[in-house]
Every structure is written in structure tokens, then in C-alpha cells.
Amino acid sequence: MDCLCAIGQVVEDLRPFLSIWEQTNSPSALLILAEFVLLNAEDIYRKNRLMSPFWRNARASVTQIIEWLRLPLIRERLEEGFFRYEDQPFADMLAQAADVLYWMERYPLG
């Protein structure tokens, strides 16, 4: 998450980086994605921004990330990860993040 924030401060187009994250199926990539969603969910939903104050000067990057998170594909990746790793302690976090993204898709507020 810190790495993405640092990149977002100097690069305007985060799509190549988000694409790599999207295509990575490792448990750690899915877990970091779930953590990112859960940490930022309220700010995304209510204020259309990310939690960290470092993002405030990178509005274009924030918009790209939020739009990316709202893609059904991202939620589906978390759901697939839940079923793939359902016997692991972090599986519940994947399911929670998928649920959050489901509601963001259905009921956009920001």
C-alpha cells in the first residue's frame, strides 16, 4: 500500500501498476488488496477519497484507484481468493473486502 502511494505521488497513470496487482493471484497480493479495501472503504464510500493524507495531492491517481476498485473484476478476484484459500486464517478478510466492494458497486455514494 505504501509502495502504491509513493508511486501515485510521481506517476499520473497507475493503470499499469494496478493491472499487475489485478493479475497477481498470490495470497499476499490478495491479502494486501483486501487490507487496502477495508482500510479505505469508508473514505471511498463517503468522501470519494483514500484514507492517507498523502493522496490528497494526487487526485488523478486516487480517481484511477477508486474506479479500479469498483470494477466487478476486482471483487471477483477477492471472491475467488476466498474460495481458493478458505482454510487459511486470512480468508475471512478476503470475503469482507469482497462484500464491501459489492456494496460499493451497487450503491455508489461518493
PDB file of N, CA and C in Angstrom:
ATOM      1  N   MET A   1       0.822  -1.186   0.000  1.00  0.00           N
ATOM      2  CA  MET A   1       0.000   0.000   0.000  1.00  0.00           C
ATOM      3  C   MET A   1       0.864   1.247   0.000  1.00  0.00           C
ATOM      4  N   ASP A   2       1.930   1.230   0.810  1.00  0.00           N
ATOM      5  CA  ASP A   2       2.825   2.376   0.845  1.00  0.00           C
ATOM      6  C   ASP A   2       3.526   2.558  -0.491  1.00  0.00           C
ATOM      7  N   CYS A   3       3.865   1.451  -1.112  1.00  0.00           N
ATOM      8  CA  CYS A   3       4.525   1.496  -2.411  1.00  0.00           C
ATOM      9  C   CYS A   3       3.607   2.149  -3.446  1.00  0.00           C
ATOM     10  N   LEU A   4       2.346   1.749  -3.478  1.00  0.00           N
ATOM     11  CA  LEU A   4       1.392   2.331  -4.422  1.00  0.00           C
ATOM     12  C   LEU A   4       1.227   3.823  -4.160  1.00  0.00           C
ATOM     13  N   CYS A   5       1.189   4.206  -2.923  1.00  0.00           N
ATOM     14  CA  CYS A   5       1.061   5.620  -2.564  1.00  0.00           C
ATOM     15  C   CYS A   5       2.279   6.396  -3.056  1.00  0.00           C
ATOM     16  N   ALA A   6       3.462   5.852  -2.859  1.00  0.00           N
ATOM     17  CA  ALA A   6       4.677   6.526  -3.326  1.00  0.00           C
ATOM     18  C   ALA A   6       4.672   6.670  -4.844  1.00  0.00           C
ATOM     19  N   ILE A   7       4.296   5.617  -5.537  1.00  0.00           N
ATOM     20  CA  ILE A   7       4.234   5.668  -7.000  1.00  0.00           C
ATOM     21  C   ILE A   7       3.199   6.698  -7.433  1.00  0.00           C
ATOM     22  N   GLY A   8       2.071   6.724  -6.755  1.00  0.00           N
ATOM     23  CA  GLY A   8       0.994   7.648  -7.096  1.00  0.00           C
ATOM     24  C   GLY A   8       1.360   9.110  -6.927  1.00  0.00           C
ATOM     25  N   GLN A   9       2.415   9.382  -6.158  1.00  0.00           N
ATOM     26  CA  GLN A   9       2.851  10.762  -5.980  1.00  0.00           C
ATOM     27  C   GLN A   9       3.666  11.269  -7.167  1.00  0.00           C
ATOM     28  N   VAL A  10       4.237  10.338  -7.943  1.00  0.00           N
ATOM     29  CA  VAL A  10       5.118  10.754  -9.042  1.00  0.00           C
ATOM     30  C   VAL A  10       4.651  10.311 -10.425  1.00  0.00           C
ATOM     31  N   VAL A  11       3.728   9.370 -10.478  1.00  0.00           N
ATOM     32  CA  VAL A  11       3.233   8.855 -11.751  1.00  0.00           C
ATOM     33  C   VAL A  11       1.741   9.134 -11.833  1.00  0.00           C
ATOM     34  N   GLU A  12       1.308   9.720 -12.919  1.00  0.00           N
ATOM     35  CA  GLU A  12      -0.120  10.040 -13.043  1.00  0.00           C
ATOM     36  C   GLU A  12      -0.964   8.842 -13.476  1.00  0.00           C
ATOM     37  N   ASP A  13      -0.391   7.950 -14.255  1.00  0.00           N
ATOM     38  CA  ASP A  13      -1.155   6.801 -14.751  1.00  0.00           C
ATOM     39  C   ASP A  13      -0.771   5.543 -13.982  1.00  0.00           C
ATOM     40  N   LEU A  14      -1.617   5.166 -13.055  1.00  0.00           N
ATOM     41  CA  LEU A  14      -1.362   3.982 -12.227  1.00  0.00           C
ATOM     42  C   LEU A  14      -1.882   2.690 -12.853  1.00  0.00           C
ATOM     43  N   ARG A  15      -2.547   2.791 -13.998  1.00  0.00           N
ATOM     44  CA  ARG A  15      -3.149   1.594 -14.587  1.00  0.00           C
ATOM     45  C   ARG A  15      -2.166   0.441 -14.790  1.00  0.00           C
ATOM     46  N   PRO A  16      -0.940   0.665 -15.248  1.00  0.00           N
ATOM     47  CA  PRO A  16      -0.023  -0.482 -15.397  1.00  0.00           C
ATOM     48  C   PRO A  16       0.261  -1.184 -14.062  1.00  0.00           C
ATOM     49  N   PHE A  17       0.372  -0.412 -13.002  1.00  0.00           N
ATOM     50  CA  PHE A  17       0.649  -0.984 -11.687  1.00  0.00           C
ATOM     51  C   PHE A  17      -0.584  -1.713 -11.139  1.00  0.00           C
ATOM     52  N   LEU A  18      -1.743  -1.126 -11.326  1.00  0.00           N
ATOM     53  CA  LEU A  18      -2.983  -1.763 -10.890  1.00  0.00           C
ATOM     54  C   LEU A  18      -3.235  -3.043 -11.673  1.00  0.00           C
ATOM     55  N   SER A  19      -2.878  -3.040 -12.937  1.00  0.00           N
ATOM     56  CA  SER A  19      -3.044  -4.226 -13.773  1.00  0.00           C
ATOM     57  C   SER A  19      -2.192  -5.386 -13.259  1.00  0.00           C
ATOM     58  N   ILE A  20      -0.979  -5.090 -12.870  1.00  0.00           N
ATOM     59  CA  ILE A  20      -0.101  -6.135 -12.307  1.00  0.00           C
ATOM     60  C   ILE A  20      -0.712  -6.681 -11.029  1.00  0.00           C
ATOM     61  N   TRP A  21      -1.181  -5.792 -10.164  1.00  0.00           N
ATOM     62  CA  TRP A  21      -1.797  -6.208  -8.903  1.00  0.00           C
ATOM     63  C   TRP A  21      -3.035  -7.049  -9.188  1.00  0.00           C
ATOM     64  N   GLU A  22      -3.809  -6.634 -10.143  1.00  0.00           N
ATOM     65  CA  GLU A  22      -5.041  -7.334 -10.518  1.00  0.00           C
ATOM     66  C   GLU A  22      -4.771  -8.754 -11.002  1.00  0.00           C
ATOM     67  N   GLN A  23      -3.667  -8.956 -11.677  1.00  0.00           N
ATOM     68  CA  GLN A  23      -3.360 -10.253 -12.277  1.00  0.00           C
ATOM     69  C   GLN A  23      -2.580 -11.181 -11.352  1.00  0.00           C
ATOM     70  N   THR A  24      -2.164 -10.680 -10.206  1.00  0.00           N
ATOM     71  CA  THR A  24      -1.370 -11.481  -9.279  1.00  0.00           C
ATOM     72  C   THR A  24      -2.289 -12.243  -8.343  1.00  0.00           C
ATOM     73  N   ASN A  25      -2.150 -13.548  -8.325  1.00  0.00           N
ATOM     74  CA  ASN A  25      -3.037 -14.403  -7.520  1.00  0.00           C
ATOM     75  C   ASN A  25      -2.415 -14.882  -6.213  1.00  0.00           C
ATOM     76  N   SER A  26      -1.266 -14.378  -5.876  1.00  0.00           N
ATOM     77  CA  SER A  26      -0.615 -14.863  -4.658  1.00  0.00           C
ATOM     78  C   SER A  26      -1.434 -14.486  -3.429  1.00  0.00           C
ATOM     79  N   PRO A  27      -1.324 -15.279  -2.379  1.00  0.00           N
ATOM     80  CA  PRO A  27      -2.050 -14.947  -1.153  1.00  0.00           C
ATOM     81  C   PRO A  27      -1.692 -13.552  -0.633  1.00  0.00           C
ATOM     82  N   SER A  28      -0.411 -13.187  -0.714  1.00  0.00           N
ATOM     83  CA  SER A  28      -0.019 -11.883  -0.177  1.00  0.00           C
ATOM     84  C   SER A  28      -0.632 -10.747  -0.995  1.00  0.00           C
ATOM     85  N   ALA A  29      -0.685 -10.868  -2.321  1.00  0.00           N
ATOM     86  CA  ALA A  29      -1.297  -9.819  -3.151  1.00  0.00           C
ATOM     87  C   ALA A  29      -2.780  -9.668  -2.836  1.00  0.00           C
ATOM     88  N   LEU A  30      -3.469 -10.784  -2.648  1.00  0.00           N
ATOM     89  CA  LEU A  30      -4.892 -10.741  -2.317  1.00  0.00           C
ATOM     90  C   LEU A  30      -5.116 -10.163  -0.923  1.00  0.00           C
ATOM     91  N   LEU A  31      -4.265 -10.542   0.011  1.00  0.00           N
ATOM     92  CA  LEU A  31      -4.398 -10.045   1.379  1.00  0.00           C
ATOM     93  C   LEU A  31      -4.156  -8.538   1.437  1.00  0.00           C
ATOM     94  N   ILE A  32      -3.139  -8.053   0.737  1.00  0.00           N
ATOM     95  CA  ILE A  32      -2.865  -6.617   0.714  1.00  0.00           C
ATOM     96  C   ILE A  32      -4.015  -5.867   0.045  1.00  0.00           C
ATOM     97  N   LEU A  33      -4.569  -6.435  -1.000  1.00  0.00           N
ATOM     98  CA  LEU A  33      -5.730  -5.832  -1.658  1.00  0.00           C
ATOM     99  C   LEU A  33      -6.905  -5.746  -0.686  1.00  0.00           C
ATOM    100  N   ALA A  34      -7.168  -6.828   0.018  1.00  0.00           N
ATOM    101  CA  ALA A  34      -8.265  -6.837   0.988  1.00  0.00           C
ATOM    102  C   ALA A  34      -8.032  -5.797   2.078  1.00  0.00           C
ATOM    103  N   GLU A  35      -6.820  -5.723   2.591  1.00  0.00           N
ATOM    104  CA  GLU A  35      -6.494  -4.727   3.615  1.00  0.00           C
ATOM    105  C   GLU A  35      -6.702  -3.310   3.072  1.00  0.00           C
ATOM    106  N   PHE A  36      -6.256  -3.083   1.850  1.00  0.00           N
ATOM    107  CA  PHE A  36      -6.407  -1.773   1.218  1.00  0.00           C
ATOM    108  C   PHE A  36      -7.879  -1.394   1.119  1.00  0.00           C
ATOM    109  N   VAL A  37      -8.693  -2.325   0.675  1.00  0.00           N
ATOM    110  CA  VAL A  37     -10.131  -2.073   0.557  1.00  0.00           C
ATOM    111  C   VAL A  37     -10.731  -1.760   1.924  1.00  0.00           C
ATOM    112  N   LEU A  38     -10.446  -2.593   2.903  1.00  0.00           N
ATOM    113  CA  LEU A  38     -11.061  -2.423   4.215  1.00  0.00           C
ATOM    114  C   LEU A  38     -10.598  -1.147   4.912  1.00  0.00           C
ATOM    115  N   LEU A  39      -9.329  -0.792   4.760  1.00  0.00           N
ATOM    116  CA  LEU A  39      -8.825   0.435   5.378  1.00  0.00           C
ATOM    117  C   LEU A  39      -9.407   1.694   4.733  1.00  0.00           C
ATOM    118  N   ASN A  40      -9.669   1.628   3.451  1.00  0.00           N
ATOM    119  CA  ASN A  40     -10.110   2.809   2.713  1.00  0.00           C
ATOM    120  C   ASN A  40     -11.605   2.853   2.440  1.00  0.00           C
ATOM    121  N   ALA A  41     -12.330   1.818   2.788  1.00  0.00           N
ATOM    122  CA  ALA A  41     -13.737   1.685   2.398  1.00  0.00           C
ATOM    123  C   ALA A  41     -14.592   2.875   2.805  1.00  0.00           C
ATOM    124  N   GLU A  42     -14.515   3.286   4.033  1.00  0.00           N
ATOM    125  CA  GLU A  42     -15.375   4.379   4.488  1.00  0.00           C
ATOM    126  C   GLU A  42     -15.029   5.680   3.772  1.00  0.00           C
ATOM    127  N   ASP A  43     -13.745   5.973   3.623  1.00  0.00           N
ATOM    128  CA  ASP A  43     -13.345   7.206   2.926  1.00  0.00           C
ATOM    129  C   ASP A  43     -13.749   7.169   1.459  1.00  0.00           C
ATOM    130  N   ILE A  44     -13.607   6.016   0.834  1.00  0.00           N
ATOM    131  CA  ILE A  44     -14.015   5.890  -0.565  1.00  0.00           C
ATOM    132  C   ILE A  44     -15.518   6.092  -0.677  1.00  0.00           C
ATOM    133  N   TYR A  45     -16.249   5.409   0.165  1.00  0.00           N
ATOM    134  CA  TYR A  45     -17.706   5.438   0.057  1.00  0.00           C
ATOM    135  C   TYR A  45     -18.288   6.805   0.394  1.00  0.00           C
ATOM    136  N   ARG A  46     -17.842   7.390   1.485  1.00  0.00           N
ATOM    137  CA  ARG A  46     -18.459   8.631   1.949  1.00  0.00           C
ATOM    138  C   ARG A  46     -17.840   9.902   1.355  1.00  0.00           C
ATOM    139  N   LYS A  47     -16.521   9.837   1.050  1.00  0.00           N
ATOM    140  CA  LYS A  47     -15.835  11.065   0.644  1.00  0.00           C
ATOM    141  C   LYS A  47     -15.163  10.970  -0.718  1.00  0.00           C
ATOM    142  N   ASN A  48     -15.241   9.803  -1.353  1.00  0.00           N
ATOM    143  CA  ASN A  48     -14.638   9.573  -2.669  1.00  0.00           C
ATOM    144  C   ASN A  48     -13.143   9.903  -2.654  1.00  0.00           C
ATOM    145  N   ARG A  49     -12.463   9.430  -1.608  1.00  0.00           N
ATOM    146  CA  ARG A  49     -11.025   9.645  -1.475  1.00  0.00           C
ATOM    147  C   ARG A  49     -10.414   8.450  -0.751  1.00  0.00           C
ATOM    148  N   LEU A  50      -9.085   8.444  -0.663  1.00  0.00           N
ATOM    149  CA  LEU A  50      -8.388   7.402   0.089  1.00  0.00           C
ATOM    150  C   LEU A  50      -7.996   7.951   1.452  1.00  0.00           C
ATOM    151  N   MET A  51      -7.811   7.061   2.392  1.00  0.00           N
ATOM    152  CA  MET A  51      -7.611   7.420   3.780  1.00  0.00           C
ATOM    153  C   MET A  51      -6.359   8.261   4.032  1.00  0.00           C
ATOM    154  N   SER A  52      -5.251   7.888   3.456  1.00  0.00           N
ATOM    155  CA  SER A  52      -3.978   8.545   3.751  1.00  0.00           C
ATOM    156  C   SER A  52      -3.961   9.988   3.261  1.00  0.00           C
ATOM    157  N   PRO A  53      -3.478  10.911   4.085  1.00  0.00           N
ATOM    158  CA  PRO A  53      -3.388  12.305   3.639  1.00  0.00           C
ATOM    159  C   PRO A  53      -2.390  12.503   2.492  1.00  0.00           C
ATOM    160  N   PHE A  54      -1.499  11.557   2.285  1.00  0.00           N
ATOM    161  CA  PHE A  54      -0.533  11.663   1.190  1.00  0.00           C
ATOM    162  C   PHE A  54      -1.209  11.626  -0.177  1.00  0.00           C
ATOM    163  N   TRP A  55      -2.394  11.078  -0.247  1.00  0.00           N
ATOM    164  CA  TRP A  55      -3.112  11.000  -1.521  1.00  0.00           C
ATOM    165  C   TRP A  55      -3.772  12.325  -1.892  1.00  0.00           C
ATOM    166  N   ARG A  56      -3.871  13.254  -1.003  1.00  0.00           N
ATOM    167  CA  ARG A  56      -4.616  14.488  -1.261  1.00  0.00           C
ATOM    168  C   ARG A  56      -4.046  15.308  -2.416  1.00  0.00           C
ATOM    169  N   ASN A  57      -2.747  15.164  -2.687  1.00  0.00           N
ATOM    170  CA  ASN A  57      -2.126  15.908  -3.784  1.00  0.00           C
ATOM    171  C   ASN A  57      -2.026  15.091  -5.061  1.00  0.00           C
ATOM    172  N   ALA A  58      -2.653  13.941  -5.084  1.00  0.00           N
ATOM    173  CA  ALA A  58      -2.594  13.047  -6.251  1.00  0.00           C
ATOM    174  C   ALA A  58      -4.012  12.639  -6.647  1.00  0.00           C
ATOM    175  N   ARG A  59      -4.850  13.604  -6.886  1.00  0.00           N
ATOM    176  CA  ARG A  59      -6.277  13.334  -7.136  1.00  0.00           C
ATOM    177  C   ARG A  59      -6.515  12.425  -8.342  1.00  0.00           C
ATOM    178  N   ALA A  60      -5.733  12.610  -9.418  1.00  0.00           N
ATOM    179  CA  ALA A  60      -5.909  11.760 -10.607  1.00  0.00           C
ATOM    180  C   ALA A  60      -5.624  10.301 -10.267  1.00  0.00           C
ATOM    181  N   SER A  61      -4.604  10.061  -9.462  1.00  0.00           N
ATOM    182  CA  SER A  61      -4.273   8.691  -9.053  1.00  0.00           C
ATOM    183  C   SER A  61      -5.367   8.099  -8.183  1.00  0.00           C
ATOM    184  N   VAL A  62      -5.898   8.906  -7.285  1.00  0.00           N
ATOM    185  CA  VAL A  62      -6.984   8.447  -6.410  1.00  0.00           C
ATOM    186  C   VAL A  62      -8.192   8.048  -7.245  1.00  0.00           C
ATOM    187  N   THR A  63      -8.535   8.859  -8.210  1.00  0.00           N
ATOM    188  CA  THR A  63      -9.672   8.559  -9.075  1.00  0.00           C
ATOM    189  C   THR A  63      -9.458   7.241  -9.807  1.00  0.00           C
ATOM    190  N   GLN A  64      -8.256   7.022 -10.325  1.00  0.00           N
ATOM    191  CA  GLN A  64      -7.970   5.761 -11.019  1.00  0.00           C
ATOM    192  C   GLN A  64      -8.116   4.568 -10.087  1.00  0.00           C
ATOM    193  N   ILE A  65      -7.604   4.698  -8.876  1.00  0.00           N
ATOM    194  CA  ILE A  65      -7.674   3.587  -7.916  1.00  0.00           C
ATOM    195  C   ILE A  65      -9.121   3.293  -7.541  1.00  0.00           C
ATOM    196  N   ILE A  66      -9.894   4.305  -7.256  1.00  0.00           N
ATOM    197  CA  ILE A  66     -11.289   4.102  -6.866  1.00  0.00           C
ATOM    198  C   ILE A  66     -12.083   3.480  -8.008  1.00  0.00           C
ATOM    199  N   GLU A  67     -11.883   3.975  -9.210  1.00  0.00           N
ATOM    200  CA  GLU A  67     -12.575   3.383 -10.368  1.00  0.00           C
ATOM    201  C   GLU A  67     -12.166   1.924 -10.546  1.00  0.00           C
ATOM    202  N   TRP A  68     -10.897   1.640 -10.348  1.00  0.00           N
ATOM    203  CA  TRP A  68     -10.389   0.268 -10.471  1.00  0.00           C
ATOM    204  C   TRP A  68     -11.015  -0.634  -9.404  1.00  0.00           C
ATOM    205  N   LEU A  69     -11.066  -0.154  -8.183  1.00  0.00           N
ATOM    206  CA  LEU A  69     -11.647  -0.956  -7.101  1.00  0.00           C
ATOM    207  C   LEU A  69     -13.124  -1.241  -7.337  1.00  0.00           C
ATOM    208  N   ARG A  70     -13.796  -0.368  -8.035  1.00  0.00           N
ATOM    209  CA  ARG A  70     -15.231  -0.544  -8.286  1.00  0.00           C
ATOM    210  C   ARG A  70     -15.517  -1.456  -9.476  1.00  0.00           C
ATOM    211  N   LEU A  71     -14.479  -1.928 -10.142  1.00  0.00           N
ATOM    212  CA  LEU A  71     -14.692  -2.879 -11.233  1.00  0.00           C
ATOM    213  C   LEU A  71     -15.148  -4.221 -10.652  1.00  0.00           C
ATOM    214  N   PRO A  72     -16.149  -4.852 -11.220  1.00  0.00           N
ATOM    215  CA  PRO A  72     -16.585  -6.165 -10.720  1.00  0.00           C
ATOM    216  C   PRO A  72     -15.442  -7.186 -10.700  1.00  0.00           C
ATOM    217  N   LEU A  73     -14.504  -7.064 -11.614  1.00  0.00           N
ATOM    218  CA  LEU A  73     -13.380  -7.994 -11.676  1.00  0.00           C
ATOM    219  C   LEU A  73     -12.574  -8.023 -10.377  1.00  0.00           C
ATOM    220  N   ILE A  74     -12.413  -6.883  -9.740  1.00  0.00           N
ATOM    221  CA  ILE A  74     -11.625  -6.827  -8.501  1.00  0.00           C
ATOM    222  C   ILE A  74     -12.351  -7.571  -7.387  1.00  0.00           C
ATOM    223  N   ARG A  75     -13.643  -7.329  -7.273  1.00  0.00           N
ATOM    224  CA  ARG A  75     -14.433  -8.081  -6.280  1.00  0.00           C
ATOM    225  C   ARG A  75     -14.374  -9.578  -6.556  1.00  0.00           C
ATOM    226  N   GLU A  76     -14.488  -9.936  -7.830  1.00  0.00           N
ATOM    227  CA  GLU A  76     -14.439 -11.348  -8.214  1.00  0.00           C
ATOM    228  C   GLU A  76     -13.096 -11.977  -7.852  1.00  0.00           C
ATOM    229  N   ARG A  77     -12.007 -11.236  -7.988  1.00  0.00           N
ATOM    230  CA  ARG A  77     -10.681 -11.765  -7.621  1.00  0.00           C
ATOM    231  C   ARG A  77     -10.639 -12.088  -6.127  1.00  0.00           C
ATOM    232  N   LEU A  78     -11.212 -11.207  -5.328  1.00  0.00           N
ATOM    233  CA  LEU A  78     -11.242 -11.452  -3.886  1.00  0.00           C
ATOM    234  C   LEU A  78     -12.129 -12.644  -3.554  1.00  0.00           C
ATOM    235  N   GLU A  79     -13.250 -12.767  -4.226  1.00  0.00           N
ATOM    236  CA  GLU A  79     -14.130 -13.913  -4.001  1.00  0.00           C
ATOM    237  C   GLU A  79     -13.433 -15.215  -4.382  1.00  0.00           C
ATOM    238  N   GLU A  80     -12.790 -15.220  -5.544  1.00  0.00           N
ATOM    239  CA  GLU A  80     -12.042 -16.409  -5.965  1.00  0.00           C
ATOM    240  C   GLU A  80     -10.963 -16.746  -4.949  1.00  0.00           C
ATOM    241  N   GLY A  81     -10.285 -15.718  -4.456  1.00  0.00           N
ATOM    242  CA  GLY A  81      -9.248 -15.930  -3.443  1.00  0.00           C
ATOM    243  C   GLY A  81      -9.824 -16.532  -2.178  1.00  0.00           C
ATOM    244  N   PHE A  82     -11.003 -16.078  -1.788  1.00  0.00           N
ATOM    245  CA  PHE A  82     -11.639 -16.648  -0.606  1.00  0.00           C
ATOM    246  C   PHE A  82     -11.844 -18.147  -0.777  1.00  0.00           C
ATOM    247  N   PHE A  83     -12.388 -18.556  -1.905  1.00  0.00           N
ATOM    248  CA  PHE A  83     -12.646 -19.984  -2.106  1.00  0.00           C
ATOM    249  C   PHE A  83     -11.353 -20.781  -2.274  1.00  0.00           C
ATOM    250  N   ARG A  84     -10.340 -20.162  -2.858  1.00  0.00           N
ATOM    251  CA  ARG A  84      -9.060 -20.851  -3.037  1.00  0.00           C
ATOM    252  C   ARG A  84      -8.347 -21.042  -1.699  1.00  0.00           C
ATOM    253  N   TYR A  85      -8.490 -20.070  -0.808  1.00  0.00           N
ATOM    254  CA  TYR A  85      -7.754 -20.089   0.466  1.00  0.00           C
ATOM    255  C   TYR A  85      -8.696 -20.144   1.668  1.00  0.00           C
ATOM    256  N   GLU A  86      -9.873 -20.726   1.491  1.00  0.00           N
ATOM    257  CA  GLU A  86     -10.870 -20.701   2.558  1.00  0.00           C
ATOM    258  C   GLU A  86     -10.422 -21.357   3.855  1.00  0.00           C
ATOM    259  N   ASP A  87      -9.410 -22.194   3.796  1.00  0.00           N
ATOM    260  CA  ASP A  87      -8.920 -22.836   5.015  1.00  0.00           C
ATOM    261  C   ASP A  87      -7.813 -22.024   5.699  1.00  0.00           C
ATOM    262  N   GLN A  88      -7.482 -20.873   5.154  1.00  0.00           N
ATOM    263  CA  GLN A  88      -6.429 -20.020   5.713  1.00  0.00           C
ATOM    264  C   GLN A  88      -7.046 -18.961   6.631  1.00  0.00           C
ATOM    265  N   PRO A  89      -6.278 -18.494   7.609  1.00  0.00           N
ATOM    266  CA  PRO A  89      -6.825 -17.516   8.560  1.00  0.00           C
ATOM    267  C   PRO A  89      -7.243 -16.183   7.919  1.00  0.00           C
ATOM    268  N   PHE A  90      -6.667 -15.847   6.787  1.00  0.00           N
ATOM    269  CA  PHE A  90      -6.974 -14.563   6.156  1.00  0.00           C
ATOM    270  C   PHE A  90      -8.172 -14.619   5.210  1.00  0.00           C
ATOM    271  N   ALA A  91      -8.768 -15.774   5.022  1.00  0.00           N
ATOM    272  CA  ALA A  91      -9.881 -15.929   4.076  1.00  0.00           C
ATOM    273  C   ALA A  91     -11.059 -15.023   4.426  1.00  0.00           C
ATOM    274  N   ASP A  92     -11.355 -14.882   5.707  1.00  0.00           N
ATOM    275  CA  ASP A  92     -12.474 -14.020   6.105  1.00  0.00           C
ATOM    276  C   ASP A  92     -12.249 -12.569   5.674  1.00  0.00           C
ATOM    277  N   MET A  93     -10.997 -12.118   5.712  1.00  0.00           N
ATOM    278  CA  MET A  93     -10.694 -10.762   5.294  1.00  0.00           C
ATOM    279  C   MET A  93     -10.966 -10.589   3.797  1.00  0.00           C
ATOM    280  N   LEU A  94     -10.661 -11.612   3.010  1.00  0.00           N
ATOM    281  CA  LEU A  94     -10.938 -11.563   1.573  1.00  0.00           C
ATOM    282  C   LEU A  94     -12.445 -11.457   1.340  1.00  0.00           C
ATOM    283  N   ALA A  95     -13.223 -12.230   2.088  1.00  0.00           N
ATOM    284  CA  ALA A  95     -14.679 -12.201   1.950  1.00  0.00           C
ATOM    285  C   ALA A  95     -15.245 -10.848   2.374  1.00  0.00           C
ATOM    286  N   GLN A  96     -14.732 -10.280   3.465  1.00  0.00           N
ATOM    287  CA  GLN A  96     -15.210  -8.979   3.923  1.00  0.00           C
ATOM    288  C   GLN A  96     -14.937  -7.892   2.880  1.00  0.00           C
ATOM    289  N   ALA A  97     -13.738  -7.920   2.320  1.00  0.00           N
ATOM    290  CA  ALA A  97     -13.387  -6.922   1.307  1.00  0.00           C
ATOM    291  C   ALA A  97     -14.249  -7.090   0.060  1.00  0.00           C
ATOM    292  N   ALA A  98     -14.508  -8.328  -0.335  1.00  0.00           N
ATOM    293  CA  ALA A  98     -15.379  -8.576  -1.486  1.00  0.00           C
ATOM    294  C   ALA A  98     -16.781  -8.041  -1.217  1.00  0.00           C
ATOM    295  N   ASP A  99     -17.280  -8.229  -0.002  1.00  0.00           N
ATOM    296  CA  ASP A  99     -18.602  -7.707   0.360  1.00  0.00           C
ATOM    297  C   ASP A  99     -18.637  -6.175   0.287  1.00  0.00           C
ATOM    298  N   VAL A 100     -17.593  -5.541   0.778  1.00  0.00           N
ATOM    299  CA  VAL A 100     -17.519  -4.078   0.725  1.00  0.00           C
ATOM    300  C   VAL A 100     -17.565  -3.602  -0.722  1.00  0.00           C
ATOM    301  N   LEU A 101     -16.787  -4.241  -1.589  1.00  0.00           N
ATOM    302  CA  LEU A 101     -16.774  -3.843  -2.992  1.00  0.00           C
ATOM    303  C   LEU A 101     -18.119  -4.113  -3.660  1.00  0.00           C
ATOM    304  N   TYR A 102     -18.773  -5.184  -3.265  1.00  0.00           N
ATOM    305  CA  TYR A 102     -20.113  -5.474  -3.786  1.00  0.00           C
ATOM    306  C   TYR A 102     -21.048  -4.304  -3.494  1.00  0.00           C
ATOM    307  N   TRP A 103     -21.041  -3.832  -2.256  1.00  0.00           N
ATOM    308  CA  TRP A 103     -21.938  -2.739  -1.877  1.00  0.00           C
ATOM    309  C   TRP A 103     -21.538  -1.433  -2.546  1.00  0.00           C
ATOM    310  N   MET A 104     -20.245  -1.228  -2.741  1.00  0.00           N
ATOM    311  CA  MET A 104     -19.800  -0.018  -3.447  1.00  0.00           C
ATOM    312  C   MET A 104     -20.246  -0.030  -4.906  1.00  0.00           C
ATOM    313  N   GLU A 105     -20.242  -1.208  -5.507  1.00  0.00           N
ATOM    314  CA  GLU A 105     -20.717  -1.338  -6.890  1.00  0.00           C
ATOM    315  C   GLU A 105     -22.207  -1.017  -6.974  1.00  0.00           C
ATOM    316  N   ARG A 106     -22.964  -1.557  -6.047  1.00  0.00           N
ATOM    317  CA  ARG A 106     -24.419  -1.435  -6.091  1.00  0.00           C
ATOM    318  C   ARG A 106     -24.927  -0.070  -5.650  1.00  0.00           C
ATOM    319  N   TYR A 107     -24.238   0.497  -4.675  1.00  0.00           N
ATOM    320  CA  TYR A 107     -24.726   1.739  -4.076  1.00  0.00           C
ATOM    321  C   TYR A 107     -23.623   2.790  -3.998  1.00  0.00           C
ATOM    322  N   PRO A 108     -23.174   3.296  -5.147  1.00  0.00           N
ATOM    323  CA  PRO A 108     -22.127   4.317  -5.115  1.00  0.00           C
ATOM    324  C   PRO A 108     -22.634   5.594  -4.455  1.00  0.00           C
ATOM    325  N   LEU A 109     -21.856   6.147  -3.571  1.00  0.00           N
ATOM    326  CA  LEU A 109     -22.273   7.337  -2.862  1.00  0.00           C
ATOM    327  C   LEU A 109     -21.366   8.512  -3.208  1.00  0.00           C
ATOM    328  N   GLY A 110     -20.033   8.317  -2.985  1.00  0.00           N
ATOM    329  CA  GLY A 110     -19.024   9.347  -3.157  1.00  0.00           C
ATOM    330  C   GLY A 110     -19.199  10.220  -4.243  1.00  0.00           C
TER     331      GLY A 110
END
